[in-house]
Every structure is written in C-alpha cells, then in structure tokens.
Amino acid sequence: MNFKRFILYQGAVGMAAGMIFPFYILLLKDIGNSYSQFGWAYGLFALTAALSFPVIGKLADRIGDKWLMLVYSWGMALLLLVFPLAFEIWHVYVLQIAMGLLGAVQKNTEKTVLARTVKKETAGKEIGTYHVWTSIGISLAVIATGYLVDFLTIGSIFYIASLVFAWSGFHIMKIEDVPSAAK
C-alpha cells in the first residue's frame, strides 16, 4: 500500500473518531443515573477489545488487512447512525461492546499495516511521520467539532462522522495493494 494513502485513510478514520469520542458523553448525559454505569460502559469497551485481539490478529493474517479496514470503517459508519437513538443504559452497553470490537479491529490492523509497510531501516522515521499527520487530523477534528456542536445538535455530529467513516471505507476499497500475510 502506498504509505501516503494509508496515512490519508488513518487520518480520515482518526478525524471521524476525534469528532465523536470526546463528545459522545454529551449525547449520553441523560442516559444512566450513576458514574458506575459509565464505568461499566467504558469497561465493556476495553474488555471486549482485549478479548478480541487474538482472533482479530489471526484474521489479519488469514484474510488480510484491507478487509478488516473495511469492516472497521463501515462498521463504525453504521454504528454511529444508531448511537443517537440510544435512550437506555443497556443500549449504551451494547454499543460499547460493538465499539470495543471495532476498536480492536482498527488498533490491530493499524499496527499490522505499519509492520508490513515500513522499511526496517527507516521504521522510526516513517512511523513518526505517520503519527504526526494522523494526530494533526485528529486534533483539527476535535477542535472543529467543538465549534460544530455549538451550532448543530450533538446527534448530527454522529451522522457527519458516520459519513467520514463511510468515505474512508470507499477510499480503502480503491486501494489494491494493501500488504498482508494472506497474499
């Protein structure tokens, strides 16, 4: 895969995630009645991700990174369409479990693509460049979303982020040379 295309893809999904993750607690402020419920929600996210990593790692080697990137992009696009409809705490728990699974897909695939793409001799520099550009994209998205939330409803941010995730899926579909152990 062209490293710049991968940075563009990761920048897009990072921006979409940056649009919602700092702000989705605002959407859910009326759901639940204790901090322990939010603790459970975040805990379910982290536990689901942790338990998913071994399976996702095997899938990355078996079916390839491109398919997992598509699952993440389009899975998040669909999930974000449902998020504004949550009105009970168990809805949040189910969404957090799904986000934990998808988050594990993204985190594992990001690292496998980097491992398969960068040159060993210049890995530090290439990964550093990767982090600069993806972090800038995420930072700009968080700042811009702060202003958007003032003018739009919080739910609309989820729909905009869903569109960005969907676009990233179409972007990755066009890339034919995604490295993987499956090739």
C-alpha atoms as a PDB file:
ATOM      1  CA  MET A   1       0.000   0.000   0.000  1.00  0.00           C
ATOM      2  CA  ASN A   2       1.158   3.463  -0.709  1.00  0.00           C
ATOM      3  CA  PHE A   3       2.165   4.846   2.679  1.00  0.00           C
ATOM      4  CA  LYS A   4       0.602   8.239   1.921  1.00  0.00           C
ATOM      5  CA  ARG A   5      -2.730   6.571   1.081  1.00  0.00           C
ATOM      6  CA  PHE A   6      -2.597   4.703   4.358  1.00  0.00           C
ATOM      7  CA  ILE A   7      -1.932   7.943   6.228  1.00  0.00           C
ATOM      8  CA  LEU A   8      -4.914   9.519   4.423  1.00  0.00           C
ATOM      9  CA  TYR A   9      -7.123   6.578   5.390  1.00  0.00           C
ATOM     10  CA  GLN A  10      -5.969   6.581   9.015  1.00  0.00           C
ATOM     11  CA  GLY A  11      -6.250  10.365   9.143  1.00  0.00           C
ATOM     12  CA  ALA A  12      -9.861  10.138   7.965  1.00  0.00           C
ATOM     13  CA  VAL A  13     -10.859   7.470  10.476  1.00  0.00           C
ATOM     14  CA  GLY A  14      -8.942   9.327  13.174  1.00  0.00           C
ATOM     15  CA  MET A  15     -10.788  12.529  12.338  1.00  0.00           C
ATOM     16  CA  ALA A  16     -14.146  10.746  12.422  1.00  0.00           C
ATOM     17  CA  ALA A  17     -13.293   9.157  15.764  1.00  0.00           C
ATOM     18  CA  GLY A  18     -11.993  12.503  17.029  1.00  0.00           C
ATOM     19  CA  MET A  19     -15.325  14.048  16.143  1.00  0.00           C
ATOM     20  CA  ILE A  20     -17.288  11.746  18.399  1.00  0.00           C
ATOM     21  CA  PHE A  21     -15.171  10.255  21.182  1.00  0.00           C
ATOM     22  CA  PRO A  22     -14.606  13.462  23.167  1.00  0.00           C
ATOM     23  CA  PHE A  23     -18.228  14.500  22.703  1.00  0.00           C
ATOM     24  CA  TYR A  24     -20.371  11.390  22.818  1.00  0.00           C
ATOM     25  CA  ILE A  25     -20.659  11.597  26.580  1.00  0.00           C
ATOM     26  CA  LEU A  26     -22.703  14.763  25.966  1.00  0.00           C
ATOM     27  CA  LEU A  27     -25.158  12.769  23.893  1.00  0.00           C
ATOM     28  CA  LEU A  28     -25.471  10.201  26.651  1.00  0.00           C
ATOM     29  CA  LYS A  29     -25.701  12.625  29.581  1.00  0.00           C
ATOM     30  CA  ASP A  30     -29.374  11.862  30.110  1.00  0.00           C
ATOM     31  CA  ILE A  31     -28.865   8.104  29.999  1.00  0.00           C
ATOM     32  CA  GLY A  32     -27.985   6.366  33.215  1.00  0.00           C
ATOM     33  CA  ASN A  33     -28.002   7.721  36.687  1.00  0.00           C
ATOM     34  CA  SER A  34     -24.594   6.931  38.116  1.00  0.00           C
ATOM     35  CA  TYR A  35     -20.924   7.090  37.315  1.00  0.00           C
ATOM     36  CA  SER A  36     -20.715   3.337  37.848  1.00  0.00           C
ATOM     37  CA  GLN A  37     -22.919   2.848  34.780  1.00  0.00           C
ATOM     38  CA  PHE A  38     -20.498   4.862  32.677  1.00  0.00           C
ATOM     39  CA  GLY A  39     -17.661   2.899  34.264  1.00  0.00           C
ATOM     40  CA  TRP A  40     -19.350  -0.285  33.102  1.00  0.00           C
ATOM     41  CA  ALA A  41     -19.792   1.157  29.624  1.00  0.00           C
ATOM     42  CA  TYR A  42     -16.102   2.025  29.259  1.00  0.00           C
ATOM     43  CA  GLY A  43     -15.090  -1.220  30.931  1.00  0.00           C
ATOM     44  CA  LEU A  44     -17.171  -3.257  28.484  1.00  0.00           C
ATOM     45  CA  PHE A  45     -15.499  -1.380  25.625  1.00  0.00           C
ATOM     46  CA  ALA A  46     -11.992  -2.150  26.908  1.00  0.00           C
ATOM     47  CA  LEU A  47     -12.752  -5.752  27.894  1.00  0.00           C
ATOM     48  CA  THR A  48     -14.351  -6.533  24.526  1.00  0.00           C
ATOM     49  CA  ALA A  49     -11.339  -5.089  22.725  1.00  0.00           C
ATOM     50  CA  ALA A  50      -8.898  -7.035  24.903  1.00  0.00           C
ATOM     51  CA  LEU A  51     -10.664 -10.347  24.373  1.00  0.00           C
ATOM     52  CA  SER A  52     -10.981  -9.723  20.620  1.00  0.00           C
ATOM     53  CA  PHE A  53      -7.322  -9.043  19.816  1.00  0.00           C
ATOM     54  CA  PRO A  54      -6.173 -12.682  19.431  1.00  0.00           C
ATOM     55  CA  VAL A  55      -8.962 -13.507  16.971  1.00  0.00           C
ATOM     56  CA  ILE A  56      -8.505 -10.269  15.043  1.00  0.00           C
ATOM     57  CA  GLY A  57      -4.759 -10.849  14.808  1.00  0.00           C
ATOM     58  CA  LYS A  58      -5.343 -14.269  13.264  1.00  0.00           C
ATOM     59  CA  LEU A  59      -7.924 -12.814  10.877  1.00  0.00           C
ATOM     60  CA  ALA A  60      -5.476 -10.130   9.765  1.00  0.00           C
ATOM     61  CA  ASP A  61      -3.012 -12.819   8.735  1.00  0.00           C
ATOM     62  CA  ARG A  62      -5.673 -15.004   7.159  1.00  0.00           C
ATOM     63  CA  ILE A  63      -7.966 -12.637   5.256  1.00  0.00           C
ATOM     64  CA  GLY A  64      -5.794  -9.547   5.017  1.00  0.00           C
ATOM     65  CA  ASP A  65      -5.726  -6.062   6.422  1.00  0.00           C
ATOM     66  CA  LYS A  66      -7.838  -4.450   3.713  1.00  0.00           C
ATOM     67  CA  TRP A  67     -10.931  -6.430   4.690  1.00  0.00           C
ATOM     68  CA  LEU A  68     -10.506  -5.562   8.334  1.00  0.00           C
ATOM     69  CA  MET A  69     -10.110  -1.870   7.499  1.00  0.00           C
ATOM     70  CA  LEU A  70     -13.365  -2.096   5.539  1.00  0.00           C
ATOM     71  CA  VAL A  71     -15.104  -3.814   8.463  1.00  0.00           C
ATOM     72  CA  TYR A  72     -13.910  -1.053  10.784  1.00  0.00           C
ATOM     73  CA  SER A  73     -14.843   1.852   8.504  1.00  0.00           C
ATOM     74  CA  TRP A  74     -18.280   0.629   7.543  1.00  0.00           C
ATOM     75  CA  GLY A  75     -18.979  -0.895  10.931  1.00  0.00           C
ATOM     76  CA  MET A  76     -18.324   2.439  12.609  1.00  0.00           C
ATOM     77  CA  ALA A  77     -20.355   4.257   9.951  1.00  0.00           C
ATOM     78  CA  LEU A  78     -23.354   2.053  10.741  1.00  0.00           C
ATOM     79  CA  LEU A  79     -22.823   2.126  14.493  1.00  0.00           C
ATOM     80  CA  LEU A  80     -22.742   5.919  14.566  1.00  0.00           C
ATOM     81  CA  LEU A  81     -26.103   6.051  12.837  1.00  0.00           C
ATOM     82  CA  VAL A  82     -27.562   4.094  15.766  1.00  0.00           C
ATOM     83  CA  PHE A  83     -25.818   5.942  18.594  1.00  0.00           C
ATOM     84  CA  PRO A  84     -28.134   8.997  18.657  1.00  0.00           C
ATOM     85  CA  LEU A  85     -31.092   6.604  19.015  1.00  0.00           C
ATOM     86  CA  ALA A  86     -29.845   5.145  22.318  1.00  0.00           C
ATOM     87  CA  PHE A  87     -32.093   6.083  25.210  1.00  0.00           C
ATOM     88  CA  GLU A  88     -31.462   3.402  27.829  1.00  0.00           C
ATOM     89  CA  ILE A  89     -28.268   2.350  29.551  1.00  0.00           C
ATOM     90  CA  TRP A  90     -28.376  -1.173  28.113  1.00  0.00           C
ATOM     91  CA  HIS A  91     -28.326   0.405  24.630  1.00  0.00           C
ATOM     92  CA  VAL A  92     -25.094   2.120  25.612  1.00  0.00           C
ATOM     93  CA  TYR A  93     -23.645  -1.166  26.861  1.00  0.00           C
ATOM     94  CA  VAL A  94     -24.426  -2.929  23.573  1.00  0.00           C
ATOM     95  CA  LEU A  95     -22.967  -0.032  21.586  1.00  0.00           C
ATOM     96  CA  GLN A  96     -19.826  -0.020  23.746  1.00  0.00           C
ATOM     97  CA  ILE A  97     -19.327  -3.759  23.167  1.00  0.00           C
ATOM     98  CA  ALA A  98     -19.646  -3.215  19.399  1.00  0.00           C
ATOM     99  CA  MET A  99     -17.268  -0.244  19.588  1.00  0.00           C
ATOM    100  CA  GLY A 100     -14.797  -2.337  21.589  1.00  0.00           C
ATOM    101  CA  LEU A 101     -14.784  -4.994  18.894  1.00  0.00           C
ATOM    102  CA  LEU A 102     -14.398  -2.443  16.108  1.00  0.00           C
ATOM    103  CA  GLY A 103     -11.780  -0.511  18.063  1.00  0.00           C
ATOM    104  CA  ALA A 104      -9.736  -3.695  18.390  1.00  0.00           C
ATOM    105  CA  VAL A 105     -10.043  -4.241  14.641  1.00  0.00           C
ATOM    106  CA  GLN A 106      -8.734  -0.738  13.982  1.00  0.00           C
ATOM    107  CA  LYS A 107      -5.915  -0.835  16.504  1.00  0.00           C
ATOM    108  CA  ASN A 108      -4.649  -4.247  15.406  1.00  0.00           C
ATOM    109  CA  THR A 109      -4.944  -3.513  11.694  1.00  0.00           C
ATOM    110  CA  GLU A 110      -3.204  -0.157  12.037  1.00  0.00           C
ATOM    111  CA  LYS A 111      -0.215  -1.905  13.537  1.00  0.00           C
ATOM    112  CA  THR A 112      -0.158  -4.812  11.094  1.00  0.00           C
ATOM    113  CA  VAL A 113      -0.244  -2.475   8.098  1.00  0.00           C
ATOM    114  CA  LEU A 114       2.567  -0.420   9.597  1.00  0.00           C
ATOM    115  CA  ALA A 115       4.588  -3.555  10.301  1.00  0.00           C
ATOM    116  CA  ARG A 116       4.058  -4.828   6.751  1.00  0.00           C
ATOM    117  CA  THR A 117       4.630  -1.447   5.066  1.00  0.00           C
ATOM    118  CA  VAL A 118       7.515   0.420   6.647  1.00  0.00           C
ATOM    119  CA  LYS A 119      11.131  -0.377   5.909  1.00  0.00           C
ATOM    120  CA  LYS A 120      13.013  -1.805   8.851  1.00  0.00           C
ATOM    121  CA  GLU A 121      15.888   0.641   8.347  1.00  0.00           C
ATOM    122  CA  THR A 122      13.632   3.721   8.469  1.00  0.00           C
ATOM    123  CA  ALA A 123      10.734   2.390  10.568  1.00  0.00           C
ATOM    124  CA  GLY A 124      11.152   5.011  13.301  1.00  0.00           C
ATOM    125  CA  LYS A 125      11.083   7.924  10.881  1.00  0.00           C
ATOM    126  CA  GLU A 126       8.160   6.553   8.853  1.00  0.00           C
ATOM    127  CA  ILE A 127       6.067   5.739  11.923  1.00  0.00           C
ATOM    128  CA  GLY A 128       6.916   9.160  13.368  1.00  0.00           C
ATOM    129  CA  THR A 129       5.698  10.821  10.151  1.00  0.00           C
ATOM    130  CA  TYR A 130       2.570   8.679  10.252  1.00  0.00           C
ATOM    131  CA  HIS A 131       1.788   9.783  13.801  1.00  0.00           C
ATOM    132  CA  VAL A 132       2.397  13.470  13.022  1.00  0.00           C
ATOM    133  CA  TRP A 133      -0.152  13.555  10.207  1.00  0.00           C
ATOM    134  CA  THR A 134      -2.791  11.353  11.810  1.00  0.00           C
ATOM    135  CA  SER A 135      -2.504  13.288  15.086  1.00  0.00           C
ATOM    136  CA  ILE A 136      -2.891  16.609  13.278  1.00  0.00           C
ATOM    137  CA  GLY A 137      -6.035  15.304  11.575  1.00  0.00           C
ATOM    138  CA  ILE A 138      -7.494  14.127  14.868  1.00  0.00           C
ATOM    139  CA  SER A 139      -6.631  17.402  16.621  1.00  0.00           C
ATOM    140  CA  LEU A 140      -8.251  19.505  13.914  1.00  0.00           C
ATOM    141  CA  ALA A 141     -11.372  17.324  14.019  1.00  0.00           C
ATOM    142  CA  VAL A 142     -11.722  17.683  17.789  1.00  0.00           C
ATOM    143  CA  ILE A 143     -11.311  21.467  17.622  1.00  0.00           C
ATOM    144  CA  ALA A 144     -13.697  21.871  14.667  1.00  0.00           C
ATOM    145  CA  THR A 145     -16.281  19.605  16.286  1.00  0.00           C
ATOM    146  CA  GLY A 146     -16.232  21.762  19.404  1.00  0.00           C
ATOM    147  CA  TYR A 147     -17.474  24.624  17.240  1.00  0.00           C
ATOM    148  CA  LEU A 148     -19.912  22.461  15.283  1.00  0.00           C
ATOM    149  CA  VAL A 149     -21.578  21.233  18.469  1.00  0.00           C
ATOM    150  CA  ASP A 150     -22.357  24.859  19.318  1.00  0.00           C
ATOM    151  CA  PHE A 151     -24.283  25.257  16.049  1.00  0.00           C
ATOM    152  CA  LEU A 152     -25.670  21.787  15.391  1.00  0.00           C
ATOM    153  CA  THR A 153     -27.226  19.138  17.569  1.00  0.00           C
ATOM    154  CA  ILE A 154     -24.897  16.634  19.198  1.00  0.00           C
ATOM    155  CA  GLY A 155     -26.657  13.856  17.281  1.00  0.00           C
ATOM    156  CA  SER A 156     -25.796  15.485  13.958  1.00  0.00           C
ATOM    157  CA  ILE A 157     -22.089  15.118  14.769  1.00  0.00           C
ATOM    158  CA  PHE A 158     -22.576  11.351  14.782  1.00  0.00           C
ATOM    159  CA  TYR A 159     -24.123  11.491  11.319  1.00  0.00           C
ATOM    160  CA  ILE A 160     -21.273  13.621   9.966  1.00  0.00           C
ATOM    161  CA  ALA A 161     -18.693  11.266  11.498  1.00  0.00           C
ATOM    162  CA  SER A 162     -20.610   8.329  10.007  1.00  0.00           C
ATOM    163  CA  LEU A 163     -20.204   9.891   6.557  1.00  0.00           C
ATOM    164  CA  VAL A 164     -16.456  10.307   7.108  1.00  0.00           C
ATOM    165  CA  PHE A 165     -16.165   6.665   8.175  1.00  0.00           C
ATOM    166  CA  ALA A 166     -18.173   5.570   5.126  1.00  0.00           C
ATOM    167  CA  TRP A 167     -15.927   7.666   2.860  1.00  0.00           C
ATOM    168  CA  SER A 168     -12.854   6.031   4.387  1.00  0.00           C
ATOM    169  CA  GLY A 169     -14.328   2.635   3.518  1.00  0.00           C
ATOM    170  CA  PHE A 170     -14.783   3.660  -0.110  1.00  0.00           C
ATOM    171  CA  HIS A 171     -11.238   5.043  -0.097  1.00  0.00           C
ATOM    172  CA  ILE A 172      -9.753   1.776   1.141  1.00  0.00           C
ATOM    173  CA  MET A 173     -11.792  -0.223  -1.408  1.00  0.00           C
ATOM    174  CA  LYS A 174      -9.972   1.572  -4.210  1.00  0.00           C
ATOM    175  CA  ILE A 175      -6.564   0.582  -2.865  1.00  0.00           C
ATOM    176  CA  GLU A 176      -5.461  -2.699  -4.386  1.00  0.00           C
ATOM    177  CA  ASP A 177      -2.005  -3.121  -2.926  1.00  0.00           C
ATOM    178  CA  VAL A 178      -2.756  -3.498   0.805  1.00  0.00           C
ATOM    179  CA  PRO A 179       0.003  -5.722   2.193  1.00  0.00           C
ATOM    180  CA  SER A 180      -0.962  -8.749   4.230  1.00  0.00           C
ATOM    181  CA  ALA A 181       0.249 -12.170   5.144  1.00  0.00           C
ATOM    182  CA  ALA A 182      -2.721 -13.532   3.172  1.00  0.00           C
ATOM    183  CA  LYS A 183      -1.051 -12.606  -0.138  1.00  0.00           C
END
